[in-house]
Amino acid sequence: MLQFGIIGAGRLGTTHADSLSKMEGVKLVAVYDINPEKARTMHEKYGPAVCSSAEELASKVDAVIVASPTDCHLAGVRAAVQAGKAVFTEKPFCRFAEQAEEYKSLLKDFRKPFGIGFVRRHMLKTLKFKEMLDAGELGRIRFCNVDLPFGGFKRLPGDWFTEYNRSGGVILDMLAHHIDLANWFFGPAERVYAQGLLLDPSQELPSDQVSATVTYANGVIVNMMCTWQRFGRTGEMMEVYGEKGALTMNSTKTLQLAKLGVPVQEIDCDEAAQSIGVNNASTGNGFLNELMNFADAVRTGKTFSPGIPEAFSSFAVAEAMMRSAETDQIVKIQ
């Protein structure tokens, strides 16, 4: 029986606790939150013992899930790594480049399973999308568009999400998922130019927006738009254009394949290939798939994906995008 602990008993911590409750061969035995009331709420619903620190929690479990606010992720990961425990941290990796530098030394010799919470990699439609790109269905890829408007943002001043220096705003919190997908689909990114609101503190009600262009080493151009607004449309769309056609992934269950001279095809995703290497679980719930795959990695010792390299590469693009929006300059990605 694998014993898990959760650091951070908020929205995502509770989501992960619920996933663990549905899995066989695992048990949530410990929780820590800087707010004891939240930890007690998780204890009452799922039964884990309430710990007084991240270090105490890490000493009691086989694997640690870090689901605290973005600027606290490093502290939770540090506690797990120093205790020699497998660790799964929510995205993003961290808030600042200096924290990423500390990660380099912290994880240099770490050999336990490490995972980062890019949940879209564990969804069947994303796997099918990747499978079709890799099979050359579109020919040579030319460009990609990402459209992520969210018209239901309700966070108020005082919430850590509304503090740019804590959350990183819409770039680091929401768009990070599709930055990771673009890296997975197209390889290393070279440069980025972005403009954004960056959670302007003068706003009475916080909101955010970014539009960015990321250029990849293979020449693929990715145009990204993402918003946190209190009105207007909400949606999710990623479309890739190649020499032979275009493939679209949105909030529907199917993919749409468009080619010259033929009707648009609806592509079923229920039998996405398992050979991609990230997803053997196929419950229909990305968060549940994610933790089932991570638990399997802890049991077997195999590499979990996305892991340490993907955590660094996604943060590098997001951090460069934030710097570009802050300075109105093209930023090369290191």
Protein backbone atom coordinates (compact mmCIF):
# COMPACT_ATOMS: atom_id res chain seq x y z
CA MET A 1 0.00 0.00 0.00
CA LEU A 2 1.56 3.26 -1.15
CA GLN A 3 1.16 6.02 1.41
CA PHE A 4 0.66 9.54 0.07
CA GLY A 5 0.75 12.94 1.71
CA ILE A 6 -0.60 16.23 0.35
CA ILE A 7 0.95 19.64 1.00
CA GLY A 8 -1.73 22.25 0.34
CA ALA A 9 -5.39 21.48 1.07
CA GLY A 10 -6.99 23.98 -1.30
CA ARG A 11 -8.81 23.39 -4.58
CA LEU A 12 -6.20 21.21 -6.31
CA GLY A 13 -5.13 19.48 -3.12
CA THR A 14 -8.75 18.42 -2.64
CA THR A 15 -8.95 17.30 -6.27
CA HIS A 16 -5.93 15.06 -5.74
CA ALA A 17 -7.31 13.74 -2.45
CA ASP A 18 -10.48 12.76 -4.27
CA SER A 19 -8.47 11.00 -6.99
CA LEU A 20 -6.47 9.04 -4.41
CA SER A 21 -9.73 7.94 -2.76
CA LYS A 22 -10.74 6.28 -6.04
CA MET A 23 -7.46 4.40 -6.57
CA GLU A 24 -6.49 0.90 -5.47
CA GLY A 25 -3.27 0.21 -3.61
CA VAL A 26 -2.80 3.76 -2.32
CA LYS A 27 -3.84 5.63 0.80
CA LEU A 28 -3.80 9.30 1.71
CA VAL A 29 -2.28 9.28 5.21
CA ALA A 30 -1.08 12.85 5.82
CA VAL A 31 -1.93 16.46 4.98
CA TYR A 32 -0.24 19.77 5.73
CA ASP A 33 -1.52 23.25 5.03
CA ILE A 34 -0.34 26.57 6.42
CA ASN A 35 -4.02 27.11 7.23
CA PRO A 36 -4.86 24.40 9.80
CA GLU A 37 -8.59 24.77 9.15
CA LYS A 38 -8.16 23.65 5.53
CA ALA A 39 -6.07 20.67 6.66
CA ARG A 40 -8.76 19.70 9.17
CA THR A 41 -11.41 19.90 6.47
CA MET A 42 -9.43 17.44 4.35
CA HIS A 43 -8.95 15.21 7.40
CA GLU A 44 -12.68 15.15 8.06
CA LYS A 45 -13.52 14.21 4.46
CA TYR A 46 -10.64 11.88 3.50
CA GLY A 47 -9.06 10.85 6.82
CA PRO A 48 -5.37 11.88 6.57
CA ALA A 49 -3.52 12.87 9.74
CA VAL A 50 -2.89 16.60 10.03
CA CYS A 51 0.82 17.43 10.15
CA SER A 52 2.44 20.56 11.56
CA SER A 53 5.01 21.00 8.79
CA ALA A 54 5.95 19.85 5.31
CA GLU A 55 8.97 18.10 6.80
CA GLU A 56 6.85 16.11 9.24
CA LEU A 57 4.55 15.07 6.40
CA ALA A 58 7.43 13.96 4.19
CA SER A 59 8.79 11.75 6.98
CA LYS A 60 5.53 9.78 7.18
CA VAL A 61 4.83 8.88 3.53
CA ASP A 62 6.14 7.15 0.41
CA ALA A 63 5.20 9.99 -1.95
CA VAL A 64 4.41 13.68 -1.57
CA ILE A 65 1.93 15.72 -3.62
CA VAL A 66 2.66 19.46 -3.57
CA ALA A 67 -0.51 21.47 -4.24
CA SER A 68 0.26 24.69 -2.39
CA PRO A 69 0.26 28.15 -4.02
CA THR A 70 2.76 28.66 -6.85
CA ASP A 71 5.32 30.61 -4.83
CA CYS A 72 5.35 27.84 -2.18
CA HIS A 73 5.99 24.88 -4.49
CA LEU A 74 9.76 24.91 -4.01
CA ALA A 75 9.48 24.61 -0.22
CA GLY A 76 7.24 21.57 -0.49
CA VAL A 77 9.41 19.90 -3.11
CA ARG A 78 12.51 20.62 -1.01
CA ALA A 79 10.97 18.85 1.99
CA ALA A 80 10.13 15.79 -0.10
CA VAL A 81 13.49 15.60 -1.87
CA GLN A 82 15.49 16.02 1.33
CA ALA A 83 13.45 13.19 2.86
CA GLY A 84 14.21 11.02 -0.17
CA LYS A 85 10.57 10.65 -1.16
CA ALA A 86 8.93 10.54 -4.58
CA VAL A 87 7.33 13.87 -5.36
CA PHE A 88 4.56 15.14 -7.60
CA THR A 89 4.24 18.92 -7.74
CA GLU A 90 1.51 20.97 -9.27
CA LYS A 91 2.49 23.26 -12.09
CA PRO A 92 4.05 25.70 -12.46
CA PHE A 93 7.45 24.56 -11.26
CA CYS A 94 8.07 27.83 -9.43
CA ARG A 95 7.49 31.58 -9.67
CA PHE A 96 10.94 33.10 -10.24
CA ALA A 97 14.09 32.23 -12.21
CA GLU A 98 16.08 32.23 -8.96
CA GLN A 99 13.89 29.41 -7.67
CA ALA A 100 14.51 27.44 -10.87
CA GLU A 101 18.25 27.79 -10.21
CA GLU A 102 17.79 26.32 -6.73
CA TYR A 103 15.85 23.44 -8.28
CA LYS A 104 18.87 22.61 -10.45
CA SER A 105 21.05 21.87 -7.44
CA LEU A 106 18.22 20.31 -5.43
CA LEU A 107 17.31 17.82 -8.17
CA LYS A 108 20.77 17.20 -9.62
CA ASP A 109 21.18 13.78 -8.02
CA PHE A 110 17.53 13.03 -7.28
CA ARG A 111 16.60 9.53 -8.47
CA LYS A 112 13.11 9.04 -7.07
CA PRO A 113 10.07 9.50 -9.34
CA PHE A 114 9.33 13.17 -9.98
CA GLY A 115 6.22 14.48 -11.69
CA ILE A 116 4.75 17.85 -12.56
CA GLY A 117 1.03 18.44 -12.94
CA PHE A 118 0.52 19.11 -16.63
CA VAL A 119 -2.72 17.19 -16.56
CA ARG A 120 -3.52 17.64 -20.26
CA ARG A 121 -0.79 15.13 -21.13
CA HIS A 122 -2.93 12.50 -19.44
CA MET A 123 -6.08 13.14 -21.47
CA LEU A 124 -6.93 10.82 -24.35
CA LYS A 125 -7.68 13.59 -26.84
CA THR A 126 -4.26 15.16 -26.20
CA LEU A 127 -2.59 11.80 -26.74
CA LYS A 128 -4.53 11.31 -29.98
CA PHE A 129 -3.49 14.80 -31.09
CA LYS A 130 0.17 13.99 -30.40
CA GLU A 131 -0.15 10.62 -32.14
CA MET A 132 -1.52 12.20 -35.32
CA LEU A 133 1.16 14.90 -35.41
CA ASP A 134 3.91 12.32 -34.92
CA ALA A 135 2.43 10.14 -37.68
CA GLY A 136 2.83 13.00 -40.16
CA GLU A 137 -0.90 13.46 -40.72
CA LEU A 138 -0.37 17.18 -41.39
CA GLY A 139 2.99 16.97 -43.12
CA ARG A 140 5.58 19.57 -42.14
CA ILE A 141 4.15 21.74 -39.37
CA ARG A 142 3.99 25.45 -40.12
CA PHE A 143 2.23 27.17 -37.22
CA CYS A 144 -0.09 26.74 -34.25
CA ASN A 145 -2.78 28.90 -32.65
CA VAL A 146 -3.80 28.69 -28.99
CA ASP A 147 -6.96 30.51 -27.82
CA LEU A 148 -7.78 30.37 -24.09
CA PRO A 149 -10.29 33.00 -22.97
CA PHE A 150 -11.79 32.62 -19.51
CA GLY A 151 -14.74 34.91 -18.85
CA GLY A 152 -15.56 33.67 -15.36
CA PHE A 153 -12.61 34.94 -13.31
CA LYS A 154 -13.87 35.69 -9.79
CA ARG A 155 -10.73 36.12 -7.69
CA LEU A 156 -10.70 39.27 -5.55
CA PRO A 157 -7.89 41.44 -4.14
CA GLY A 158 -6.14 39.60 -1.32
CA ASP A 159 -6.38 36.22 -3.06
CA TRP A 160 -2.89 35.02 -3.99
CA PHE A 161 -4.04 34.40 -7.57
CA THR A 162 -4.47 38.15 -8.00
CA GLU A 163 -0.91 38.96 -6.89
CA TYR A 164 1.33 38.82 -9.95
CA ASN A 165 4.46 38.30 -7.86
CA ARG A 166 2.89 35.20 -6.32
CA SER A 167 0.91 33.56 -9.12
CA GLY A 168 2.59 34.83 -12.28
CA GLY A 169 -0.84 35.70 -13.60
CA VAL A 170 -2.49 34.07 -16.55
CA ILE A 171 0.84 33.17 -18.22
CA LEU A 172 2.27 31.05 -15.46
CA ASP A 173 -0.96 29.65 -14.07
CA MET A 174 -3.27 28.99 -17.02
CA LEU A 175 -1.32 29.28 -20.26
CA ALA A 176 1.46 27.12 -18.76
CA HIS A 177 -0.51 24.00 -19.76
CA HIS A 178 -0.45 24.86 -23.45
CA ILE A 179 3.14 26.07 -23.29
CA ASP A 180 3.96 22.56 -22.11
CA LEU A 181 1.91 21.01 -24.92
CA ALA A 182 3.63 23.18 -27.52
CA ASN A 183 7.02 22.13 -26.16
CA TRP A 184 5.92 18.48 -26.31
CA PHE A 185 4.61 18.77 -29.85
CA PHE A 186 7.29 21.00 -31.40
CA GLY A 187 10.50 20.64 -29.36
CA PRO A 188 12.72 23.37 -27.94
CA ALA A 189 11.56 26.99 -28.12
CA GLU A 190 13.99 29.71 -29.18
CA ARG A 191 12.38 33.10 -28.54
CA VAL A 192 9.18 34.82 -27.48
CA TYR A 193 7.51 38.19 -27.75
CA ALA A 194 4.52 38.97 -25.56
CA GLN A 195 2.24 41.78 -24.47
CA GLY A 196 -0.06 41.56 -21.48
CA LEU A 197 -1.91 43.20 -18.62
CA LEU A 198 0.08 41.32 -15.97
CA LEU A 199 -2.62 41.72 -13.31
CA ASP A 200 -2.40 45.50 -13.23
CA PRO A 201 -2.70 46.38 -9.50
CA SER A 202 -4.59 49.59 -10.32
CA GLN A 203 -7.62 47.58 -11.43
CA GLU A 204 -10.49 47.59 -8.96
CA LEU A 205 -11.31 44.01 -9.98
CA PRO A 206 -8.23 42.02 -11.05
CA SER A 207 -8.06 40.63 -14.58
CA ASP A 208 -5.29 39.54 -16.91
CA GLN A 209 -4.53 39.00 -20.59
CA VAL A 210 -1.56 37.99 -22.71
CA SER A 211 -0.95 37.62 -26.41
CA ALA A 212 2.36 36.05 -27.36
CA THR A 213 4.30 34.58 -30.25
CA VAL A 214 6.73 31.75 -29.51
CA THR A 215 9.15 30.64 -32.23
CA TYR A 216 10.51 27.10 -32.04
CA ALA A 217 13.89 25.82 -33.20
CA ASN A 218 12.26 23.88 -36.04
CA GLY A 219 10.63 27.05 -37.36
CA VAL A 220 7.12 26.43 -36.02
CA ILE A 221 5.42 29.66 -34.94
CA VAL A 222 2.96 29.42 -32.05
CA ASN A 223 0.49 32.27 -31.46
CA MET A 224 -1.03 32.26 -27.97
CA MET A 225 -3.87 34.28 -26.44
CA CYS A 226 -5.09 33.77 -22.88
CA THR A 227 -7.31 35.82 -20.56
CA TRP A 228 -8.75 36.05 -17.08
CA GLN A 229 -11.83 38.27 -17.45
CA ARG A 230 -15.09 38.72 -15.54
CA PHE A 231 -17.32 38.67 -18.60
CA GLY A 232 -17.22 37.54 -22.20
CA ARG A 233 -16.55 34.14 -23.66
CA THR A 234 -14.86 31.09 -22.16
CA GLY A 235 -13.23 28.54 -24.42
CA GLU A 236 -10.27 26.33 -25.21
CA MET A 237 -8.78 25.77 -28.64
CA MET A 238 -5.43 24.61 -30.00
CA GLU A 239 -5.04 24.22 -33.76
CA VAL A 240 -1.98 23.11 -35.70
CA TYR A 241 -1.50 23.84 -39.40
CA GLY A 242 0.80 21.83 -41.62
CA GLU A 243 1.41 21.48 -45.34
CA LYS A 244 -1.30 18.81 -45.67
CA GLY A 245 -4.01 20.06 -43.34
CA ALA A 246 -5.04 21.40 -39.95
CA LEU A 247 -5.88 19.61 -36.70
CA THR A 248 -7.97 21.23 -33.97
CA MET A 249 -8.44 20.32 -30.31
CA ASN A 250 -11.10 22.17 -28.32
CA SER A 251 -13.59 21.59 -25.52
CA THR A 252 -15.45 18.87 -27.46
CA LYS A 253 -14.65 15.17 -27.11
CA THR A 254 -13.40 14.80 -30.69
CA LEU A 255 -10.60 16.33 -32.75
CA GLN A 256 -11.30 18.04 -36.07
CA LEU A 257 -9.10 17.26 -39.08
CA ALA A 258 -9.38 19.61 -42.07
CA LYS A 259 -7.80 18.89 -45.47
CA LEU A 260 -8.18 20.51 -48.85
CA GLY A 261 -11.13 19.26 -50.88
CA VAL A 262 -12.68 16.95 -48.28
CA PRO A 263 -15.22 17.50 -45.47
CA VAL A 264 -13.88 18.13 -41.99
CA GLN A 265 -13.40 14.82 -40.17
CA GLU A 266 -14.39 14.29 -36.53
CA ILE A 267 -11.67 12.12 -34.96
CA ASP A 268 -12.68 9.86 -32.07
CA CYS A 269 -10.16 9.77 -29.22
CA ASP A 270 -11.35 6.80 -27.17
CA GLU A 271 -8.56 4.58 -28.44
CA ALA A 272 -5.58 6.91 -28.27
CA ALA A 273 -2.27 5.09 -28.61
CA GLN A 274 -0.62 4.03 -25.37
CA SER A 275 2.83 4.00 -26.96
CA ILE A 276 3.29 7.74 -26.44
CA GLY A 277 4.80 6.92 -23.06
CA VAL A 278 2.83 9.03 -20.59
CA ASN A 279 -0.57 7.51 -20.17
CA ASN A 280 -1.56 3.93 -19.49
CA ALA A 281 -4.56 4.91 -17.37
CA SER A 282 -7.65 5.83 -19.38
CA THR A 283 -10.45 6.56 -16.93
CA GLY A 284 -11.76 9.61 -18.76
CA ASN A 285 -10.60 11.81 -15.87
CA GLY A 286 -7.26 13.49 -16.52
CA PHE A 287 -6.51 14.16 -12.85
CA LEU A 288 -7.21 10.54 -11.94
CA ASN A 289 -5.15 9.26 -14.89
CA GLU A 290 -2.30 11.51 -13.81
CA LEU A 291 -2.07 10.14 -10.28
CA MET A 292 -2.61 6.55 -11.38
CA ASN A 293 0.34 6.94 -13.72
CA PHE A 294 2.43 8.57 -11.00
CA ALA A 295 1.60 5.82 -8.49
CA ASP A 296 2.67 3.27 -11.10
CA ALA A 297 5.99 5.09 -11.48
CA VAL A 298 6.51 5.03 -7.71
CA ARG A 299 5.82 1.29 -7.60
CA THR A 300 7.98 0.37 -10.58
CA GLY A 301 10.68 3.04 -10.47
CA LYS A 302 10.10 3.96 -14.10
CA THR A 303 10.39 7.54 -15.30
CA PHE A 304 7.21 9.56 -15.03
CA SER A 305 6.35 12.01 -17.77
CA PRO A 306 6.13 14.96 -17.63
CA GLY A 307 9.01 15.13 -15.19
CA ILE A 308 12.06 17.21 -14.37
CA PRO A 309 13.13 18.14 -17.95
CA GLU A 310 9.59 19.17 -18.88
CA ALA A 311 9.22 21.19 -15.68
CA PHE A 312 12.34 23.20 -16.52
CA SER A 313 11.51 23.69 -20.21
CA SER A 314 7.94 24.85 -19.61
CA PHE A 315 9.02 27.29 -16.92
CA ALA A 316 11.78 28.65 -19.16
CA VAL A 317 9.25 29.59 -21.86
CA ALA A 318 6.72 31.01 -19.39
CA GLU A 319 9.36 33.04 -17.54
CA ALA A 320 10.69 34.42 -20.84
CA MET A 321 7.12 35.30 -21.85
CA MET A 322 6.60 37.23 -18.62
CA ARG A 323 9.88 39.11 -19.07
CA SER A 324 8.92 39.97 -22.62
CA ALA A 325 5.55 41.34 -21.51
CA GLU A 326 7.23 43.30 -18.72
CA THR A 327 9.91 44.84 -20.97
CA ASP A 328 8.23 44.92 -24.41
CA GLN A 329 11.27 43.10 -25.80
CA ILE A 330 11.85 39.85 -27.68
CA VAL A 331 13.38 37.41 -25.20
CA LYS A 332 15.60 34.50 -26.18
CA ILE A 333 14.86 31.32 -24.26
CA GLN A 334 17.81 29.82 -22.45
